[in-house]
Amino acid sequence: MMRAATIAGVVFVGLIATSAIRDAVVGAASFGRMGPLAPGRDVPQFAVPLVDGGTFANADLSGRVHVVTFWATWCPYCRDELDELGPMFEAYDEAKVRIVAVNREGGGVTPAQAKAMSKRYREAKQLGFGFAVDDGPMARSFGVGPIPHTAIFDREGRLRQVHQGRVSGATIAEEIDELLAEP
C-alpha cells in the first residue's frame, strides 16, 4: 500500500513539474506581447467610432502628432488629465497635433451609453478635441491595463511614448514639442 502511495505521489509531482515547465515556456515565448504596446512596436489595426460621427483608425495616425488617451468618466485621474489636455488642444495647431480621448467606460455600459456620457463630459468641460468610444478591441490591442493610459505617436504614425497612469500636461507638451521639432 505504501509503495502505491509513493508512486502516485511521484506521478503527481511529475505532472505538476511538467505543467510548470510548460507554463514557463509559454510565458517566455509570449513575454514581448504582455503589458502595454511598447514604443517602436508596430501599431495594431484599430477603428473606433468618434462620438461626433466617423471613425478614428490607425490609418489616421500619419501626418501629425497624435496624443491618444484611454479614459473613463468614473476615473478621477483620467478627468484630471483630460482637463490638462484642454488648454493644450487650444495651444497647438490642429493641423500639426491631434488629441483623441478614447472612452473605456466598462462596467456593463453599452457603447451608446459611453458615447452619450463622453459627449456630456466633453460639453460640460468645453473640450474641443476628439472623443471616441472603444468597447474593448482597441484597448486590448494596445495592452491597456490601468487608466489613464496615454500613447503619443509621431507624424509617421509610430508609437513613441506610452504612459500608464496619470501623466502631467507638461510632460505631454514636452514630448509633443520634441516630435514637432524632428525633421
C-alpha atoms as a PDB file:
ATOM      1  CA  MET A   1       0.000   0.000   0.000  1.00  0.00           C
ATOM      2  CA  MET A   2       2.857   2.334   0.891  1.00  0.00           C
ATOM      3  CA  ARG A   3       4.517   1.665  -2.448  1.00  0.00           C
ATOM      4  CA  ALA A   4       1.361   2.591  -4.434  1.00  0.00           C
ATOM      5  CA  ALA A   5       1.062   5.857  -2.490  1.00  0.00           C
ATOM      6  CA  THR A   6       4.701   6.664  -3.213  1.00  0.00           C
ATOM      7  CA  ILE A   7       4.252   6.000  -6.938  1.00  0.00           C
ATOM      8  CA  ALA A   8       1.085   8.104  -7.009  1.00  0.00           C
ATOM      9  CA  GLY A   9       2.940  10.932  -5.248  1.00  0.00           C
ATOM     10  CA  VAL A  10       5.842  10.795  -7.696  1.00  0.00           C
ATOM     11  CA  VAL A  11       3.443  10.831 -10.659  1.00  0.00           C
ATOM     12  CA  PHE A  12       1.539  13.767  -9.136  1.00  0.00           C
ATOM     13  CA  VAL A  13       4.730  15.778  -8.558  1.00  0.00           C
ATOM     14  CA  GLY A  14       5.881  14.932 -12.075  1.00  0.00           C
ATOM     15  CA  LEU A  15       2.627  16.246 -13.568  1.00  0.00           C
ATOM     16  CA  ILE A  16       2.907  19.460 -11.587  1.00  0.00           C
ATOM     17  CA  ALA A  17       6.528  19.944 -12.675  1.00  0.00           C
ATOM     18  CA  THR A  18       5.627  19.268 -16.323  1.00  0.00           C
ATOM     19  CA  SER A  19       2.787  21.791 -16.136  1.00  0.00           C
ATOM     20  CA  ALA A  20       5.060  24.411 -14.540  1.00  0.00           C
ATOM     21  CA  ILE A  21       7.715  23.927 -17.224  1.00  0.00           C
ATOM     22  CA  ARG A  22       5.101  24.237 -19.992  1.00  0.00           C
ATOM     23  CA  ASP A  23       3.715  27.445 -18.415  1.00  0.00           C
ATOM     24  CA  ALA A  24       7.230  28.891 -18.150  1.00  0.00           C
ATOM     25  CA  VAL A  25       7.981  28.119 -21.819  1.00  0.00           C
ATOM     26  CA  VAL A  26       4.665  29.646 -22.976  1.00  0.00           C
ATOM     27  CA  GLY A  27       5.214  32.703 -20.758  1.00  0.00           C
ATOM     28  CA  ALA A  28       8.746  33.230 -22.054  1.00  0.00           C
ATOM     29  CA  ALA A  29       7.612  32.888 -25.665  1.00  0.00           C
ATOM     30  CA  SER A  30       4.845  35.469 -25.258  1.00  0.00           C
ATOM     31  CA  PHE A  31       6.624  37.819 -22.837  1.00  0.00           C
ATOM     32  CA  GLY A  32       7.039  40.508 -25.508  1.00  0.00           C
ATOM     33  CA  ARG A  33       3.265  40.645 -26.019  1.00  0.00           C
ATOM     34  CA  MET A  34       2.457  41.099 -22.335  1.00  0.00           C
ATOM     35  CA  GLY A  35       1.915  44.545 -20.901  1.00  0.00           C
ATOM     36  CA  PRO A  36       1.344  47.705 -22.872  1.00  0.00           C
ATOM     37  CA  LEU A  37       2.273  48.131 -26.506  1.00  0.00           C
ATOM     38  CA  ALA A  38       5.816  49.470 -26.353  1.00  0.00           C
ATOM     39  CA  PRO A  39       7.288  52.349 -28.343  1.00  0.00           C
ATOM     40  CA  GLY A  40       8.793  51.122 -31.578  1.00  0.00           C
ATOM     41  CA  ARG A  41       6.415  48.179 -31.927  1.00  0.00           C
ATOM     42  CA  ASP A  42       4.049  48.003 -34.891  1.00  0.00           C
ATOM     43  CA  VAL A  43       0.771  49.771 -34.227  1.00  0.00           C
ATOM     44  CA  PRO A  44      -2.101  47.293 -34.391  1.00  0.00           C
ATOM     45  CA  GLN A  45      -5.078  47.733 -36.663  1.00  0.00           C
ATOM     46  CA  PHE A  46      -7.924  49.552 -34.920  1.00  0.00           C
ATOM     47  CA  ALA A  47     -11.026  51.541 -35.773  1.00  0.00           C
ATOM     48  CA  VAL A  48     -13.238  53.118 -33.111  1.00  0.00           C
ATOM     49  CA  PRO A  49     -16.281  55.351 -33.564  1.00  0.00           C
ATOM     50  CA  LEU A  50     -15.898  59.051 -32.871  1.00  0.00           C
ATOM     51  CA  VAL A  51     -18.714  60.469 -30.749  1.00  0.00           C
ATOM     52  CA  ASP A  52     -19.467  63.099 -33.425  1.00  0.00           C
ATOM     53  CA  GLY A  53     -19.560  60.548 -36.244  1.00  0.00           C
ATOM     54  CA  GLY A  54     -16.924  58.893 -38.346  1.00  0.00           C
ATOM     55  CA  THR A  55     -14.138  56.687 -37.090  1.00  0.00           C
ATOM     56  CA  PHE A  56     -10.656  57.021 -35.708  1.00  0.00           C
ATOM     57  CA  ALA A  57      -8.321  54.365 -37.113  1.00  0.00           C
ATOM     58  CA  ASN A  58      -4.624  53.584 -37.269  1.00  0.00           C
ATOM     59  CA  ALA A  59      -4.548  54.927 -40.844  1.00  0.00           C
ATOM     60  CA  ASP A  60      -5.366  58.370 -39.366  1.00  0.00           C
ATOM     61  CA  LEU A  61      -2.153  58.474 -37.323  1.00  0.00           C
ATOM     62  CA  SER A  62       0.166  59.686 -40.072  1.00  0.00           C
ATOM     63  CA  GLY A  63       0.606  63.331 -40.967  1.00  0.00           C
ATOM     64  CA  ARG A  64       0.533  64.874 -37.495  1.00  0.00           C
ATOM     65  CA  VAL A  65       1.497  64.132 -33.921  1.00  0.00           C
ATOM     66  CA  HIS A  66      -1.255  62.263 -32.067  1.00  0.00           C
ATOM     67  CA  VAL A  67      -1.981  62.072 -28.359  1.00  0.00           C
ATOM     68  CA  VAL A  68      -4.379  59.217 -27.619  1.00  0.00           C
ATOM     69  CA  THR A  69      -5.558  58.761 -24.071  1.00  0.00           C
ATOM     70  CA  PHE A  70      -7.755  55.947 -22.781  1.00  0.00           C
ATOM     71  CA  TRP A  71     -10.060  57.181 -20.031  1.00  0.00           C
ATOM     72  CA  ALA A  72     -13.442  56.749 -18.290  1.00  0.00           C
ATOM     73  CA  THR A  73     -15.839  59.200 -16.647  1.00  0.00           C
ATOM     74  CA  TRP A  74     -15.551  57.421 -13.279  1.00  0.00           C
ATOM     75  CA  CYS A  75     -11.726  57.798 -13.192  1.00  0.00           C
ATOM     76  CA  PRO A  76     -10.603  60.966 -11.326  1.00  0.00           C
ATOM     77  CA  TYR A  77      -7.038  60.754 -12.694  1.00  0.00           C
ATOM     78  CA  CYS A  78      -8.415  60.482 -16.212  1.00  0.00           C
ATOM     79  CA  ARG A  79     -10.566  63.560 -15.702  1.00  0.00           C
ATOM     80  CA  ASP A  80      -7.560  65.490 -14.360  1.00  0.00           C
ATOM     81  CA  GLU A  81      -5.513  64.520 -17.403  1.00  0.00           C
ATOM     82  CA  LEU A  82      -8.301  65.498 -19.814  1.00  0.00           C
ATOM     83  CA  ASP A  83      -8.595  68.864 -18.048  1.00  0.00           C
ATOM     84  CA  GLU A  84      -4.899  69.484 -18.804  1.00  0.00           C
ATOM     85  CA  LEU A  85      -5.289  68.379 -22.413  1.00  0.00           C
ATOM     86  CA  GLY A  86      -7.981  71.009 -22.996  1.00  0.00           C
ATOM     87  CA  PRO A  87      -5.660  74.054 -22.940  1.00  0.00           C
ATOM     88  CA  MET A  88      -3.039  72.023 -24.811  1.00  0.00           C
ATOM     89  CA  PHE A  89      -5.525  71.448 -27.631  1.00  0.00           C
ATOM     90  CA  GLU A  90      -6.034  75.211 -27.829  1.00  0.00           C
ATOM     91  CA  ALA A  91      -2.279  75.886 -27.817  1.00  0.00           C
ATOM     92  CA  TYR A  92      -1.293  73.618 -30.722  1.00  0.00           C
ATOM     93  CA  ASP A  93      -2.188  73.928 -34.381  1.00  0.00           C
ATOM     94  CA  GLU A  94      -4.731  71.180 -35.069  1.00  0.00           C
ATOM     95  CA  ALA A  95      -3.081  70.597 -38.457  1.00  0.00           C
ATOM     96  CA  LYS A  96       0.064  69.503 -36.564  1.00  0.00           C
ATOM     97  CA  VAL A  97      -1.285  67.896 -33.363  1.00  0.00           C
ATOM     98  CA  ARG A  98      -4.424  65.846 -32.807  1.00  0.00           C
ATOM     99  CA  ILE A  99      -5.744  64.740 -29.418  1.00  0.00           C
ATOM    100  CA  VAL A 100      -8.235  61.884 -29.112  1.00  0.00           C
ATOM    101  CA  ALA A 101      -9.742  60.688 -25.821  1.00  0.00           C
ATOM    102  CA  VAL A 102     -10.879  57.075 -26.133  1.00  0.00           C
ATOM    103  CA  ASN A 103     -13.569  56.166 -23.601  1.00  0.00           C
ATOM    104  CA  ARG A 104     -13.163  52.782 -21.873  1.00  0.00           C
ATOM    105  CA  GLU A 105     -16.162  53.043 -19.565  1.00  0.00           C
ATOM    106  CA  GLY A 106     -16.620  49.311 -18.929  1.00  0.00           C
ATOM    107  CA  GLY A 107     -18.847  48.077 -16.127  1.00  0.00           C
ATOM    108  CA  GLY A 108     -21.642  46.927 -18.405  1.00  0.00           C
ATOM    109  CA  VAL A 109     -22.040  50.339 -20.036  1.00  0.00           C
ATOM    110  CA  THR A 110     -23.023  49.938 -23.684  1.00  0.00           C
ATOM    111  CA  PRO A 111     -21.094  51.762 -26.424  1.00  0.00           C
ATOM    112  CA  ALA A 112     -24.133  54.003 -26.988  1.00  0.00           C
ATOM    113  CA  GLN A 113     -24.223  54.893 -23.295  1.00  0.00           C
ATOM    114  CA  ALA A 114     -20.460  55.520 -23.249  1.00  0.00           C
ATOM    115  CA  LYS A 115     -20.854  57.760 -26.295  1.00  0.00           C
ATOM    116  CA  ALA A 116     -23.557  59.816 -24.566  1.00  0.00           C
ATOM    117  CA  MET A 117     -21.503  60.024 -21.357  1.00  0.00           C
ATOM    118  CA  SER A 118     -18.439  61.155 -23.317  1.00  0.00           C
ATOM    119  CA  LYS A 119     -20.410  63.840 -25.153  1.00  0.00           C
ATOM    120  CA  ARG A 120     -21.887  65.161 -21.900  1.00  0.00           C
ATOM    121  CA  TYR A 121     -18.466  65.256 -20.257  1.00  0.00           C
ATOM    122  CA  ARG A 122     -16.832  66.995 -23.222  1.00  0.00           C
ATOM    123  CA  GLU A 123     -19.607  69.604 -23.390  1.00  0.00           C
ATOM    124  CA  ALA A 124     -19.588  70.226 -19.623  1.00  0.00           C
ATOM    125  CA  LYS A 125     -15.805  70.759 -19.675  1.00  0.00           C
ATOM    126  CA  GLN A 126     -15.868  72.580 -23.037  1.00  0.00           C
ATOM    127  CA  LEU A 127     -13.149  70.376 -24.502  1.00  0.00           C
ATOM    128  CA  GLY A 128     -12.558  70.821 -28.222  1.00  0.00           C
ATOM    129  CA  PHE A 129     -10.560  67.710 -29.051  1.00  0.00           C
ATOM    130  CA  GLY A 130     -11.896  64.425 -30.387  1.00  0.00           C
ATOM    131  CA  PHE A 131     -13.638  61.785 -28.317  1.00  0.00           C
ATOM    132  CA  ALA A 132     -14.081  58.149 -29.333  1.00  0.00           C
ATOM    133  CA  VAL A 133     -15.551  55.037 -27.730  1.00  0.00           C
ATOM    134  CA  ASP A 134     -13.883  51.631 -27.535  1.00  0.00           C
ATOM    135  CA  ASP A 135     -15.778  48.612 -26.268  1.00  0.00           C
ATOM    136  CA  GLY A 136     -12.551  46.644 -25.869  1.00  0.00           C
ATOM    137  CA  PRO A 137     -10.690  45.664 -29.050  1.00  0.00           C
ATOM    138  CA  MET A 138      -8.511  48.773 -29.334  1.00  0.00           C
ATOM    139  CA  ALA A 139      -7.578  48.757 -25.642  1.00  0.00           C
ATOM    140  CA  ARG A 140      -6.703  45.059 -25.774  1.00  0.00           C
ATOM    141  CA  SER A 141      -4.514  45.527 -28.852  1.00  0.00           C
ATOM    142  CA  PHE A 142      -2.672  48.372 -27.098  1.00  0.00           C
ATOM    143  CA  GLY A 143      -2.291  46.365 -23.891  1.00  0.00           C
ATOM    144  CA  VAL A 144      -4.175  48.943 -21.854  1.00  0.00           C
ATOM    145  CA  GLY A 145      -4.408  47.978 -18.207  1.00  0.00           C
ATOM    146  CA  PRO A 146      -4.977  50.733 -15.690  1.00  0.00           C
ATOM    147  CA  ILE A 147      -6.291  54.035 -16.968  1.00  0.00           C
ATOM    148  CA  PRO A 148      -5.492  56.692 -17.840  1.00  0.00           C
ATOM    149  CA  HIS A 149      -3.224  55.205 -20.463  1.00  0.00           C
ATOM    150  CA  THR A 150      -1.723  57.679 -22.901  1.00  0.00           C
ATOM    151  CA  ALA A 151       0.061  56.929 -26.168  1.00  0.00           C
ATOM    152  CA  ILE A 152       1.895  59.533 -28.233  1.00  0.00           C
ATOM    153  CA  PHE A 153       2.584  59.000 -31.927  1.00  0.00           C
ATOM    154  CA  ASP A 154       4.942  60.847 -34.249  1.00  0.00           C
ATOM    155  CA  ARG A 155       3.947  62.262 -37.651  1.00  0.00           C
ATOM    156  CA  GLU A 156       4.773  58.940 -39.303  1.00  0.00           C
ATOM    157  CA  GLY A 157       2.232  57.147 -37.097  1.00  0.00           C
ATOM    158  CA  ARG A 158       4.895  55.420 -34.987  1.00  0.00           C
ATOM    159  CA  LEU A 159       4.268  54.932 -31.286  1.00  0.00           C
ATOM    160  CA  ARG A 160       6.906  56.988 -29.467  1.00  0.00           C
ATOM    161  CA  GLN A 161       5.727  57.335 -25.847  1.00  0.00           C
ATOM    162  CA  VAL A 162       3.465  55.340 -23.541  1.00  0.00           C
ATOM    163  CA  HIS A 163       2.283  56.463 -20.128  1.00  0.00           C
ATOM    164  CA  GLN A 164       0.408  54.122 -17.815  1.00  0.00           C
ATOM    165  CA  GLY A 165      -1.394  56.116 -15.170  1.00  0.00           C
ATOM    166  CA  ARG A 166      -1.642  59.878 -14.789  1.00  0.00           C
ATOM    167  CA  VAL A 167       0.848  61.932 -16.795  1.00  0.00           C
ATOM    168  CA  SER A 168       1.192  65.689 -16.486  1.00  0.00           C
ATOM    169  CA  GLY A 169       0.263  68.055 -19.264  1.00  0.00           C
ATOM    170  CA  ALA A 170       3.786  69.490 -19.051  1.00  0.00           C
ATOM    171  CA  THR A 171       5.304  66.088 -19.831  1.00  0.00           C
ATOM    172  CA  ILE A 172       2.945  65.562 -22.762  1.00  0.00           C
ATOM    173  CA  ALA A 173       3.724  69.073 -24.087  1.00  0.00           C
ATOM    174  CA  GLU A 174       7.487  68.376 -23.898  1.00  0.00           C
ATOM    175  CA  GLU A 175       7.042  65.149 -25.840  1.00  0.00           C
ATOM    176  CA  ILE A 176       4.853  66.842 -28.457  1.00  0.00           C
ATOM    177  CA  ASP A 177       7.400  69.658 -28.853  1.00  0.00           C
ATOM    178  CA  GLU A 178      10.233  67.127 -29.325  1.00  0.00           C
ATOM    179  CA  LEU A 179       8.266  65.338 -32.037  1.00  0.00           C
ATOM    180  CA  LEU A 180       7.316  68.580 -33.784  1.00  0.00           C
ATOM    181  CA  ALA A 181      10.979  69.634 -33.802  1.00  0.00           C
ATOM    182  CA  GLU A 182      12.001  66.481 -35.671  1.00  0.00           C
ATOM    183  CA  PRO A 183      12.584  66.944 -39.400  1.00  0.00           C
END
